[in-house]
Protein backbone atom coordinates (compact mmCIF):
# COMPACT_ATOMS: atom_id res chain seq x y z
CA MET A 1 -53.28 62.52 -66.33
CA THR A 2 -54.61 63.96 -69.59
CA ASN A 3 -55.46 61.76 -72.67
CA GLU A 4 -52.78 63.50 -74.47
CA GLN A 5 -50.04 62.65 -72.01
CA CYS A 6 -51.02 59.15 -71.74
CA THR A 7 -50.83 58.50 -75.22
CA ASP A 8 -46.96 60.46 -74.87
CA MET A 9 -46.22 58.33 -72.42
CA MET A 10 -47.35 54.95 -73.92
CA GLY A 11 -46.07 55.92 -77.27
CA GLY A 12 -42.74 56.61 -75.99
CA MET A 13 -42.50 53.56 -73.94
CA MET A 14 -43.62 51.63 -77.01
CA GLY A 15 -41.57 53.43 -79.55
CA ASN A 16 -38.40 53.17 -77.24
CA MET A 17 -39.13 48.98 -76.56
CA MET A 18 -39.71 48.26 -80.40
CA ASN A 19 -36.78 50.48 -81.26
CA GLY A 20 -34.35 48.49 -79.23
CA MET A 21 -35.76 44.88 -79.89
CA MET A 22 -35.91 45.62 -83.44
CA GLY A 23 -32.31 47.16 -83.75
CA GLY A 24 -30.97 44.55 -81.82
CA MET A 25 -32.64 42.08 -84.19
CA MET A 26 -32.40 43.53 -87.40
CA GLY A 27 -28.60 43.00 -88.34
CA PRO A 28 -28.94 39.24 -87.69
CA MET A 29 -32.11 38.83 -89.64
CA MET A 30 -30.88 40.76 -92.49
CA LEU A 31 -27.70 38.72 -92.30
CA GLY A 32 -29.50 35.46 -92.04
CA MET A 33 -31.61 36.20 -95.38
CA VAL A 34 -28.42 36.94 -97.28
CA LEU A 35 -27.13 33.39 -96.26
CA PHE A 36 -30.40 31.89 -97.00
CA TRP A 37 -30.75 33.44 -100.63
CA THR A 38 -27.13 32.80 -101.59
CA LEU A 39 -27.52 29.17 -100.61
CA VAL A 40 -30.68 29.17 -102.76
CA ILE A 41 -29.11 30.55 -105.49
CA VAL A 42 -25.80 28.43 -105.10
CA VAL A 43 -27.71 25.01 -104.77
CA LEU A 44 -29.89 25.97 -108.10
CA VAL A 45 -26.67 27.08 -110.03
CA LEU A 46 -25.12 23.32 -108.82
CA LEU A 47 -28.34 21.46 -109.90
CA VAL A 48 -28.70 23.73 -113.33
CA ARG A 49 -25.21 22.68 -113.96
CA GLN A 50 -25.44 19.02 -112.82
CA LEU A 51 -28.26 18.53 -115.12
CA TRP A 52 -27.72 20.48 -118.42
CA GLY A 53 -23.43 20.31 -118.06
CA ARG A 54 -23.37 16.58 -119.21
CA ARG A 55 -24.73 15.76 -122.62
CA PRO A 56 -24.41 12.28 -124.04
CA GLY A 57 -21.37 12.19 -126.59
CA SER A 58 -20.01 15.53 -125.34
CA THR A 59 -16.86 14.44 -123.91
CA SER A 60 -15.98 12.78 -127.22
CA SER A 61 -12.43 13.46 -128.28
CA ALA A 62 -11.47 14.56 -132.20
CA ILE A 63 -9.78 10.67 -132.32
CA THR A 64 -13.65 9.01 -131.30
CA ILE A 65 -15.48 11.14 -133.66
CA LEU A 66 -12.70 10.25 -136.45
CA GLN A 67 -13.30 6.50 -135.63
CA GLU A 68 -17.22 6.91 -135.26
CA ARG A 69 -17.05 8.70 -138.95
CA PHE A 70 -14.82 5.69 -140.09
CA ALA A 71 -17.33 3.11 -138.79
CA ARG A 72 -20.28 4.35 -140.15
CA GLY A 73 -18.41 4.59 -143.77
CA GLU A 74 -18.25 8.22 -144.27
CA MET A 75 -14.85 7.91 -145.36
CA ASP A 76 -12.36 5.11 -146.81
CA ARG A 77 -9.36 4.01 -145.21
CA GLU A 78 -7.13 6.28 -146.82
CA GLU A 79 -8.90 9.68 -145.67
CA TYR A 80 -9.13 7.68 -142.32
CA GLN A 81 -5.30 7.24 -141.68
CA GLN A 82 -4.52 10.76 -143.33
CA ARG A 83 -6.79 12.87 -140.78
CA LEU A 84 -5.64 10.22 -137.87
CA SER A 85 -2.10 10.76 -138.67
CA THR A 86 -3.05 14.74 -138.63
CA LEU A 87 -4.60 14.55 -135.34
CA GLN A 88 -1.83 12.74 -133.66
CA ALA A 89 1.02 14.97 -135.19
CA ARG A 90 -1.27 18.16 -133.97
CA SER A 91 -1.54 16.49 -130.10
CA ALA A 92 2.13 15.72 -130.36
CA SER A 93 3.21 19.19 -131.49
CA ASP A 94 1.34 20.76 -128.51
CA GLY A 95 2.77 18.73 -125.91
CA ALA A 96 -0.22 16.39 -125.16
CA ALA A 97 -0.24 12.71 -124.91
CA PRO A 98 -0.90 10.71 -128.17
CA LEU A 99 -4.40 10.65 -129.01
CA GLY A 100 -6.36 7.32 -130.10
């Protein structure tokens, strides 16, 4: 057997063996990588939303803000009552439960 024939024979066997093994493994490996990176991205998004989604005082309603401003003395009783009645009228016209 010549050197060229030996190389052709070995290259042919190795090529077929590698194509068979890699061809059968590429699909599951690619799927696994896609699932892995999808999971990583989802976890990061949830973490970011958890950390930056909650800010102290961000859930304050308009009534709460109004009460705080009145308590700090930024408005007098008359202005407070006027604004409070306006907010309550708006919530009633929207069909929401009364605020306060």
